[in-house]
Amino acid sequence: VILWALAVLVVVTAILTALLEWPARRLVPLLLFL
C-alpha cells in the first residue's frame, strides 16, 4: 500500500511540475533535488 502511495505521489509530482512549464533555470534544481 505504501509502495503504491509513493508511486502515485511521484507521478503526481511529475504532472504538476510539467503543468507549471518552468524554465530550465528552475527545473534543473528541482530535478537535482528529486
PDB file of all heavy atoms in Angstrom:
ATOM      1  N   VAL A   1       0.843  -1.205   0.000  1.00  0.00           N
ATOM      2  CA  VAL A   1       0.000   0.000   0.000  1.00  0.00           C
ATOM      3  C   VAL A   1       0.878   1.254   0.000  1.00  0.00           C
ATOM      4  O   VAL A   1       0.631   2.207  -0.751  1.00  0.00           O
ATOM      5  CB  VAL A   1      -0.946   0.001   1.221  1.00  0.00           C
ATOM      6  CG1 VAL A   1      -1.690   1.323   1.319  1.00  0.00           C
ATOM      7  CG2 VAL A   1      -1.919  -1.160   1.137  1.00  0.00           C
ATOM      8  N   ILE A   2       1.909   1.255   0.817  1.00  0.00           N
ATOM      9  CA  ILE A   2       2.806   2.409   0.877  1.00  0.00           C
ATOM     10  C   ILE A   2       3.578   2.551  -0.436  1.00  0.00           C
ATOM     11  O   ILE A   2       3.785   3.669  -0.931  1.00  0.00           O
ATOM     12  CB  ILE A   2       3.763   2.281   2.069  1.00  0.00           C
ATOM     13  CG1 ILE A   2       2.982   2.377   3.380  1.00  0.00           C
ATOM     14  CG2 ILE A   2       4.846   3.355   2.015  1.00  0.00           C
ATOM     15  CD1 ILE A   2       3.833   2.221   4.625  1.00  0.00           C
ATOM     16  N   LEU A   3       3.993   1.428  -1.019  1.00  0.00           N
ATOM     17  CA  LEU A   3       4.703   1.494  -2.293  1.00  0.00           C
ATOM     18  C   LEU A   3       3.823   2.089  -3.384  1.00  0.00           C
ATOM     19  O   LEU A   3       4.279   2.886  -4.216  1.00  0.00           O
ATOM     20  CB  LEU A   3       5.187   0.097  -2.699  1.00  0.00           C
ATOM     21  CG  LEU A   3       6.295  -0.514  -1.830  1.00  0.00           C
ATOM     22  CD1 LEU A   3       6.638  -1.916  -2.324  1.00  0.00           C
ATOM     23  CD2 LEU A   3       7.537   0.377  -1.846  1.00  0.00           C
ATOM     24  N   TRP A   4       2.531   1.708  -3.378  1.00  0.00           N
ATOM     25  CA  TRP A   4       1.600   2.299  -4.345  1.00  0.00           C
ATOM     26  C   TRP A   4       1.427   3.792  -4.088  1.00  0.00           C
ATOM     27  O   TRP A   4       1.399   4.608  -5.024  1.00  0.00           O
ATOM     28  CB  TRP A   4       0.243   1.596  -4.279  1.00  0.00           C
ATOM     29  CG  TRP A   4       0.117   0.426  -5.194  1.00  0.00           C
ATOM     30  CD1 TRP A   4      -0.015  -0.884  -4.860  1.00  0.00           C
ATOM     31  CD2 TRP A   4       0.113   0.460  -6.629  1.00  0.00           C
ATOM     32  NE1 TRP A   4      -0.099  -1.675  -5.986  1.00  0.00           N
ATOM     33  CE2 TRP A   4      -0.021  -0.873  -7.085  1.00  0.00           C
ATOM     34  CE3 TRP A   4       0.226   1.481  -7.567  1.00  0.00           C
ATOM     35  CZ2 TRP A   4      -0.064  -1.198  -8.433  1.00  0.00           C
ATOM     36  CZ3 TRP A   4       0.192   1.164  -8.922  1.00  0.00           C
ATOM     37  CH2 TRP A   4       0.043  -0.162  -9.344  1.00  0.00           C
ATOM     38  N   ALA A   5       1.310   4.167  -2.818  1.00  0.00           N
ATOM     39  CA  ALA A   5       1.134   5.581  -2.480  1.00  0.00           C
ATOM     40  C   ALA A   5       2.346   6.396  -2.932  1.00  0.00           C
ATOM     41  O   ALA A   5       2.198   7.501  -3.477  1.00  0.00           O
ATOM     42  CB  ALA A   5       0.917   5.726  -0.975  1.00  0.00           C
ATOM     43  N   LEU A   6       3.542   5.866  -2.728  1.00  0.00           N
ATOM     44  CA  LEU A   6       4.744   6.572  -3.150  1.00  0.00           C
ATOM     45  C   LEU A   6       4.816   6.681  -4.672  1.00  0.00           C
ATOM     46  O   LEU A   6       5.225   7.715  -5.212  1.00  0.00           O
ATOM     47  CB  LEU A   6       5.982   5.850  -2.615  1.00  0.00           C
ATOM     48  CG  LEU A   6       6.190   5.926  -1.095  1.00  0.00           C
ATOM     49  CD1 LEU A   6       7.329   5.007  -0.670  1.00  0.00           C
ATOM     50  CD2 LEU A   6       6.479   7.359  -0.664  1.00  0.00           C
ATOM     51  N   ALA A   7       4.416   5.623  -5.365  1.00  0.00           N
ATOM     52  CA  ALA A   7       4.415   5.658  -6.829  1.00  0.00           C
ATOM     53  C   ALA A   7       3.461   6.728  -7.346  1.00  0.00           C
ATOM     54  O   ALA A   7       3.781   7.490  -8.266  1.00  0.00           O
ATOM     55  CB  ALA A   7       4.042   4.290  -7.391  1.00  0.00           C
ATOM     56  N   VAL A   8       2.258   6.789  -6.748  1.00  0.00           N
ATOM     57  CA  VAL A   8       1.272   7.800  -7.152  1.00  0.00           C
ATOM     58  C   VAL A   8       1.814   9.202  -6.867  1.00  0.00           C
ATOM     59  O   VAL A   8       1.678  10.119  -7.688  1.00  0.00           O
ATOM     60  CB  VAL A   8      -0.069   7.575  -6.427  1.00  0.00           C
ATOM     61  CG1 VAL A   8      -1.013   8.752  -6.650  1.00  0.00           C
ATOM     62  CG2 VAL A   8      -0.710   6.278  -6.899  1.00  0.00           C
ATOM     63  N   LEU A   9       2.442   9.373  -5.698  1.00  0.00           N
ATOM     64  CA  LEU A   9       2.994  10.680  -5.337  1.00  0.00           C
ATOM     65  C   LEU A   9       4.058  11.117  -6.343  1.00  0.00           C
ATOM     66  O   LEU A   9       4.099  12.294  -6.753  1.00  0.00           O
ATOM     67  CB  LEU A   9       3.593  10.606  -3.933  1.00  0.00           C
ATOM     68  CG  LEU A   9       4.240  11.898  -3.404  1.00  0.00           C
ATOM     69  CD1 LEU A   9       3.207  13.008  -3.306  1.00  0.00           C
ATOM     70  CD2 LEU A   9       4.898  11.653  -2.052  1.00  0.00           C
ATOM     71  N   VAL A  10       4.917  10.197  -6.760  1.00  0.00           N
ATOM     72  CA  VAL A  10       5.961  10.512  -7.731  1.00  0.00           C
ATOM     73  C   VAL A  10       5.350  10.989  -9.044  1.00  0.00           C
ATOM     74  O   VAL A  10       5.758  12.010  -9.618  1.00  0.00           O
ATOM     75  CB  VAL A  10       6.863   9.283  -7.965  1.00  0.00           C
ATOM     76  CG1 VAL A  10       7.722   9.474  -9.211  1.00  0.00           C
ATOM     77  CG2 VAL A  10       7.742   9.029  -6.757  1.00  0.00           C
ATOM     78  N   VAL A  11       4.360  10.267  -9.530  1.00  0.00           N
ATOM     79  CA  VAL A  11       3.743  10.612 -10.817  1.00  0.00           C
ATOM     80  C   VAL A  11       2.976  11.928 -10.721  1.00  0.00           C
ATOM     81  O   VAL A  11       3.043  12.770 -11.625  1.00  0.00           O
ATOM     82  CB  VAL A  11       2.832   9.463 -11.294  1.00  0.00           C
ATOM     83  CG1 VAL A  11       2.041   9.873 -12.531  1.00  0.00           C
ATOM     84  CG2 VAL A  11       3.666   8.223 -11.597  1.00  0.00           C
ATOM     85  N   VAL A  12       2.249  12.129  -9.630  1.00  0.00           N
ATOM     86  CA  VAL A  12       1.507  13.383  -9.453  1.00  0.00           C
ATOM     87  C   VAL A  12       2.480  14.566  -9.405  1.00  0.00           C
ATOM     88  O   VAL A  12       2.225  15.623  -9.995  1.00  0.00           O
ATOM     89  CB  VAL A  12       0.646  13.330  -8.177  1.00  0.00           C
ATOM     90  CG1 VAL A  12       0.092  14.709  -7.837  1.00  0.00           C
ATOM     91  CG2 VAL A  12      -0.502  12.345  -8.360  1.00  0.00           C
ATOM     92  N   THR A  13       3.605  14.394  -8.712  1.00  0.00           N
ATOM     93  CA  THR A  13       4.618  15.451  -8.661  1.00  0.00           C
ATOM     94  C   THR A  13       5.129  15.777 -10.061  1.00  0.00           C
ATOM     95  O   THR A  13       5.307  16.948 -10.417  1.00  0.00           O
ATOM     96  CB  THR A  13       5.795  15.013  -7.772  1.00  0.00           C
ATOM     97  OG1 THR A  13       5.309  14.700  -6.471  1.00  0.00           O
ATOM     98  CG2 THR A  13       6.830  16.116  -7.665  1.00  0.00           C
ATOM     99  N   ALA A  14       5.356  14.754 -10.866  1.00  0.00           N
ATOM    100  CA  ALA A  14       5.824  14.970 -12.237  1.00  0.00           C
ATOM    101  C   ALA A  14       4.781  15.725 -13.059  1.00  0.00           C
ATOM    102  O   ALA A  14       5.110  16.643 -13.821  1.00  0.00           O
ATOM    103  CB  ALA A  14       6.144  13.632 -12.895  1.00  0.00           C
ATOM    104  N   ILE A  15       3.506  15.359 -12.903  1.00  0.00           N
ATOM    105  CA  ILE A  15       2.436  16.022 -13.662  1.00  0.00           C
ATOM    106  C   ILE A  15       2.335  17.489 -13.268  1.00  0.00           C
ATOM    107  O   ILE A  15       2.244  18.378 -14.132  1.00  0.00           O
ATOM    108  CB  ILE A  15       1.097  15.301 -13.432  1.00  0.00           C
ATOM    109  CG1 ILE A  15       1.143  13.889 -14.052  1.00  0.00           C
ATOM    110  CG2 ILE A  15      -0.062  16.100 -14.024  1.00  0.00           C
ATOM    111  CD1 ILE A  15      -0.065  13.040 -13.708  1.00  0.00           C
ATOM    112  N   LEU A  16       2.347  17.774 -11.970  1.00  0.00           N
ATOM    113  CA  LEU A  16       2.232  19.164 -11.514  1.00  0.00           C
ATOM    114  C   LEU A  16       3.419  19.994 -11.990  1.00  0.00           C
ATOM    115  O   LEU A  16       3.257  21.146 -12.410  1.00  0.00           O
ATOM    116  CB  LEU A  16       2.132  19.207  -9.991  1.00  0.00           C
ATOM    117  CG  LEU A  16       0.858  18.617  -9.383  1.00  0.00           C
ATOM    118  CD1 LEU A  16       0.922  18.654  -7.864  1.00  0.00           C
ATOM    119  CD2 LEU A  16      -0.371  19.370  -9.872  1.00  0.00           C
ATOM    120  N   THR A  17       4.609  19.413 -11.934  1.00  0.00           N
ATOM    121  CA  THR A  17       5.790  20.135 -12.409  1.00  0.00           C
ATOM    122  C   THR A  17       5.688  20.428 -13.896  1.00  0.00           C
ATOM    123  O   THR A  17       6.040  21.523 -14.356  1.00  0.00           O
ATOM    124  CB  THR A  17       7.063  19.326 -12.124  1.00  0.00           C
ATOM    125  OG1 THR A  17       7.103  18.977 -10.739  1.00  0.00           O
ATOM    126  CG2 THR A  17       8.303  20.126 -12.480  1.00  0.00           C
ATOM    127  N   ALA A  18       5.196  19.466 -14.659  1.00  0.00           N
ATOM    128  CA  ALA A  18       5.045  19.670 -16.102  1.00  0.00           C
ATOM    129  C   ALA A  18       4.029  20.768 -16.406  1.00  0.00           C
ATOM    130  O   ALA A  18       4.222  21.576 -17.320  1.00  0.00           O
ATOM    131  CB  ALA A  18       4.625  18.364 -16.773  1.00  0.00           C
ATOM    132  N   LEU A  19       2.942  20.805 -15.626  1.00  0.00           N
ATOM    133  CA  LEU A  19       1.912  21.821 -15.863  1.00  0.00           C
ATOM    134  C   LEU A  19       2.417  23.224 -15.552  1.00  0.00           C
ATOM    135  O   LEU A  19       1.938  24.206 -16.125  1.00  0.00           O
ATOM    136  CB  LEU A  19       0.671  21.514 -15.014  1.00  0.00           C
ATOM    137  CG  LEU A  19      -0.126  20.266 -15.405  1.00  0.00           C
ATOM    138  CD1 LEU A  19      -1.288  20.050 -14.450  1.00  0.00           C
ATOM    139  CD2 LEU A  19      -0.645  20.386 -16.843  1.00  0.00           C
ATOM    140  N   LEU A  20       3.390  23.336 -14.658  1.00  0.00           N
ATOM    141  CA  LEU A  20       3.943  24.658 -14.336  1.00  0.00           C
ATOM    142  C   LEU A  20       4.716  25.253 -15.506  1.00  0.00           C
ATOM    143  O   LEU A  20       4.869  26.465 -15.608  1.00  0.00           O
ATOM    144  CB  LEU A  20       4.873  24.542 -13.129  1.00  0.00           C
ATOM    145  CG  LEU A  20       4.197  24.393 -11.766  1.00  0.00           C
ATOM    146  CD1 LEU A  20       5.245  24.105 -10.705  1.00  0.00           C
ATOM    147  CD2 LEU A  20       3.424  25.648 -11.407  1.00  0.00           C
ATOM    148  N   GLU A  21       5.227  24.384 -16.403  1.00  0.00           N
ATOM    149  CA  GLU A  21       6.010  24.836 -17.555  1.00  0.00           C
ATOM    150  C   GLU A  21       7.170  25.729 -17.112  1.00  0.00           C
ATOM    151  O   GLU A  21       7.393  26.816 -17.636  1.00  0.00           O
ATOM    152  CB  GLU A  21       5.124  25.553 -18.579  1.00  0.00           C
ATOM    153  CG  GLU A  21       4.021  24.687 -19.144  1.00  0.00           C
ATOM    154  CD  GLU A  21       3.259  25.365 -20.279  1.00  0.00           C
ATOM    155  OE1 GLU A  21       3.714  26.411 -20.758  1.00  0.00           O
ATOM    156  OE2 GLU A  21       2.213  24.841 -20.671  1.00  0.00           O
ATOM    157  N   TRP A  22       7.906  25.259 -16.119  1.00  0.00           N
ATOM    158  CA  TRP A  22       9.031  26.038 -15.595  1.00  0.00           C
ATOM    159  C   TRP A  22      10.172  26.089 -16.607  1.00  0.00           C
ATOM    160  O   TRP A  22      10.398  25.136 -17.351  1.00  0.00           O
ATOM    161  CB  TRP A  22       9.551  25.409 -14.310  1.00  0.00           C
ATOM    162  CG  TRP A  22       8.746  25.773 -13.112  1.00  0.00           C
ATOM    163  CD1 TRP A  22       7.695  26.643 -13.052  1.00  0.00           C
ATOM    164  CD2 TRP A  22       8.938  25.275 -11.781  1.00  0.00           C
ATOM    165  NE1 TRP A  22       7.218  26.720 -11.778  1.00  0.00           N
ATOM    166  CE2 TRP A  22       7.959  25.898 -10.969  1.00  0.00           C
ATOM    167  CE3 TRP A  22       9.830  24.395 -11.196  1.00  0.00           C
ATOM    168  CZ2 TRP A  22       7.858  25.648  -9.612  1.00  0.00           C
ATOM    169  CZ3 TRP A  22       9.733  24.142  -9.856  1.00  0.00           C
ATOM    170  CH2 TRP A  22       8.751  24.767  -9.072  1.00  0.00           C
ATOM    171  N   PRO A  23      10.930  27.206 -16.616  1.00  0.00           N
ATOM    172  CA  PRO A  23      12.130  27.256 -17.459  1.00  0.00           C
ATOM    173  C   PRO A  23      13.225  26.380 -16.862  1.00  0.00           C
ATOM    174  O   PRO A  23      13.151  25.946 -15.710  1.00  0.00           O
ATOM    175  CB  PRO A  23      12.522  28.747 -17.401  1.00  0.00           C
ATOM    176  CG  PRO A  23      11.958  29.235 -16.105  1.00  0.00           C
ATOM    177  CD  PRO A  23      10.683  28.465 -15.895  1.00  0.00           C
ATOM    178  N   ALA A  24      14.272  26.150 -17.662  1.00  0.00           N
ATOM    179  CA  ALA A  24      15.349  25.238 -17.247  1.00  0.00           C
ATOM    180  C   ALA A  24      16.029  25.697 -15.963  1.00  0.00           C
ATOM    181  O   ALA A  24      16.425  24.879 -15.135  1.00  0.00           O
ATOM    182  CB  ALA A  24      16.381  25.113 -18.370  1.00  0.00           C
ATOM    183  N   ARG A  25      16.152  27.013 -15.762  1.00  0.00           N
ATOM    184  CA  ARG A  25      16.862  27.513 -14.581  1.00  0.00           C
ATOM    185  C   ARG A  25      16.142  27.138 -13.291  1.00  0.00           C
ATOM    186  O   ARG A  25      16.767  27.058 -12.229  1.00  0.00           O
ATOM    187  CB  ARG A  25      17.033  29.028 -14.671  1.00  0.00           C
ATOM    188  CG  ARG A  25      15.733  29.796 -14.729  1.00  0.00           C
ATOM    189  CD  ARG A  25      15.961  31.295 -14.895  1.00  0.00           C
ATOM    190  NE  ARG A  25      14.722  32.016 -15.060  1.00  0.00           N
ATOM    191  CZ  ARG A  25      13.922  32.373 -14.072  1.00  0.00           C
ATOM    192  NH1 ARG A  25      14.271  32.062 -12.828  1.00  0.00           N
ATOM    193  NH2 ARG A  25      12.805  33.028 -14.294  1.00  0.00           N
ATOM    194  N   ARG A  26      14.831  26.907 -13.364  1.00  0.00           N
ATOM    195  CA  ARG A  26      14.101  26.465 -12.179  1.00  0.00           C
ATOM    196  C   ARG A  26      13.905  24.953 -12.179  1.00  0.00           C
ATOM    197  O   ARG A  26      13.813  24.335 -11.120  1.00  0.00           O
ATOM    198  CB  ARG A  26      12.734  27.154 -12.120  1.00  0.00           C
ATOM    199  CG  ARG A  26      12.808  28.662 -11.971  1.00  0.00           C
ATOM    200  CD  ARG A  26      11.447  29.281 -11.818  1.00  0.00           C
ATOM    201  NE  ARG A  26      10.799  28.888 -10.570  1.00  0.00           N
ATOM    202  CZ  ARG A  26       9.547  29.202 -10.244  1.00  0.00           C
ATOM    203  NH1 ARG A  26       8.800  29.901 -11.087  1.00  0.00           N
ATOM    204  NH2 ARG A  26       9.044  28.819  -9.093  1.00  0.00           N
ATOM    205  N   LEU A  27      13.831  24.382 -13.366  1.00  0.00           N
ATOM    206  CA  LEU A  27      13.576  22.947 -13.457  1.00  0.00           C
ATOM    207  C   LEU A  27      14.797  22.125 -13.052  1.00  0.00           C
ATOM    208  O   LEU A  27      14.663  21.097 -12.382  1.00  0.00           O
ATOM    209  CB  LEU A  27      13.159  22.591 -14.886  1.00  0.00           C
ATOM    210  CG  LEU A  27      12.734  21.144 -15.131  1.00  0.00           C
ATOM    211  CD1 LEU A  27      11.548  20.778 -14.260  1.00  0.00           C
ATOM    212  CD2 LEU A  27      12.404  20.932 -16.602  1.00  0.00           C
ATOM    213  N   VAL A  28      15.981  22.561 -13.446  1.00  0.00           N
ATOM    214  CA  VAL A  28      17.197  21.789 -13.149  1.00  0.00           C
ATOM    215  C   VAL A  28      17.412  21.625 -11.645  1.00  0.00           C
ATOM    216  O   VAL A  28      17.675  20.515 -11.168  1.00  0.00           O
ATOM    217  CB  VAL A  28      18.421  22.429 -13.827  1.00  0.00           C
ATOM    218  CG1 VAL A  28      19.715  21.793 -13.325  1.00  0.00           C
ATOM    219  CG2 VAL A  28      18.321  22.274 -15.339  1.00  0.00           C
ATOM    220  N   PRO A  29      17.301  22.702 -10.825  1.00  0.00           N
ATOM    221  CA  PRO A  29      17.425  22.492  -9.373  1.00  0.00           C
ATOM    222  C   PRO A  29      16.386  21.520  -8.819  1.00  0.00           C
ATOM    223  O   PRO A  29      16.689  20.731  -7.921  1.00  0.00           O
ATOM    224  CB  PRO A  29      17.229  23.902  -8.799  1.00  0.00           C
ATOM    225  CG  PRO A  29      17.613  24.819  -9.899  1.00  0.00           C
ATOM    226  CD  PRO A  29      17.185  24.133 -11.159  1.00  0.00           C
ATOM    227  N   LEU A  30      15.149  21.568  -9.363  1.00  0.00           N
ATOM    228  CA  LEU A  30      14.122  20.631  -8.900  1.00  0.00           C
ATOM    229  C   LEU A  30      14.517  19.201  -9.235  1.00  0.00           C
ATOM    230  O   LEU A  30      14.374  18.291  -8.402  1.00  0.00           O
ATOM    231  CB  LEU A  30      12.778  20.973  -9.531  1.00  0.00           C
ATOM    232  CG  LEU A  30      11.636  19.996  -9.213  1.00  0.00           C
ATOM    233  CD1 LEU A  30      11.338  19.977  -7.715  1.00  0.00           C
ATOM    234  CD2 LEU A  30      10.373  20.360  -9.994  1.00  0.00           C
ATOM    235  N   LEU A  31      15.020  18.988 -10.441  1.00  0.00           N
ATOM    236  CA  LEU A  31      15.439  17.638 -10.833  1.00  0.00           C
ATOM    237  C   LEU A  31      16.577  17.140  -9.936  1.00  0.00           C
ATOM    238  O   LEU A  31      16.575  15.980  -9.516  1.00  0.00           O
ATOM    239  CB  LEU A  31      15.890  17.637 -12.295  1.00  0.00           C
ATOM    240  CG  LEU A  31      14.786  17.565 -13.345  1.00  0.00           C
ATOM    241  CD1 LEU A  31      15.375  17.717 -14.742  1.00  0.00           C
ATOM    242  CD2 LEU A  31      14.020  16.255 -13.242  1.00  0.00           C
ATOM    243  N   LEU A  32      17.527  18.016  -9.642  1.00  0.00           N
ATOM    244  CA  LEU A  32      18.626  17.621  -8.766  1.00  0.00           C
ATOM    245  C   LEU A  32      18.098  17.266  -7.373  1.00  0.00           C
ATOM    246  O   LEU A  32      18.546  16.294  -6.756  1.00  0.00           O
ATOM    247  CB  LEU A  32      19.647  18.754  -8.672  1.00  0.00           C
ATOM    248  CG  LEU A  32      20.427  19.059  -9.958  1.00  0.00           C
ATOM    249  CD1 LEU A  32      21.329  20.267  -9.761  1.00  0.00           C
ATOM    250  CD2 LEU A  32      21.238  17.848 -10.395  1.00  0.00           C
ATOM    251  N   PHE A  33      17.133  18.052  -6.887  1.00  0.00           N
ATOM    252  CA  PHE A  33      16.538  17.768  -5.579  1.00  0.00           C
ATOM    253  C   PHE A  33      15.831  16.412  -5.593  1.00  0.00           C
ATOM    254  O   PHE A  33      15.968  15.616  -4.653  1.00  0.00           O
ATOM    255  CB  PHE A  33      15.552  18.876  -5.219  1.00  0.00           C
ATOM    256  CG  PHE A  33      14.718  18.570  -3.995  1.00  0.00           C
ATOM    257  CD1 PHE A  33      15.263  18.648  -2.721  1.00  0.00           C
ATOM    258  CD2 PHE A  33      13.392  18.188  -4.129  1.00  0.00           C
ATOM    259  CE1 PHE A  33      14.497  18.351  -1.600  1.00  0.00           C
ATOM    260  CE2 PHE A  33      12.619  17.888  -3.018  1.00  0.00           C
ATOM    261  CZ  PHE A  33      13.177  17.970  -1.746  1.00  0.00           C
ATOM    262  N   LEU A  34      15.079  16.134  -6.664  1.00  0.00           N
ATOM    263  CA  LEU A  34      14.357  14.867  -6.740  1.00  0.00           C
ATOM    264  C   LEU A  34      15.312  13.683  -6.818  1.00  0.00           C
ATOM    265  O   LEU A  34      15.070  12.634  -6.216  1.00  0.00           O
ATOM    266  CB  LEU A  34      13.421  14.873  -7.951  1.00  0.00           C
ATOM    267  CG  LEU A  34      12.204  15.793  -7.832  1.00  0.00           C
ATOM    268  CD1 LEU A  34      11.461  15.863  -9.151  1.00  0.00           C
ATOM    269  CD2 LEU A  34      11.267  15.312  -6.731  1.00  0.00           C
TER     270      LEU A  34
END
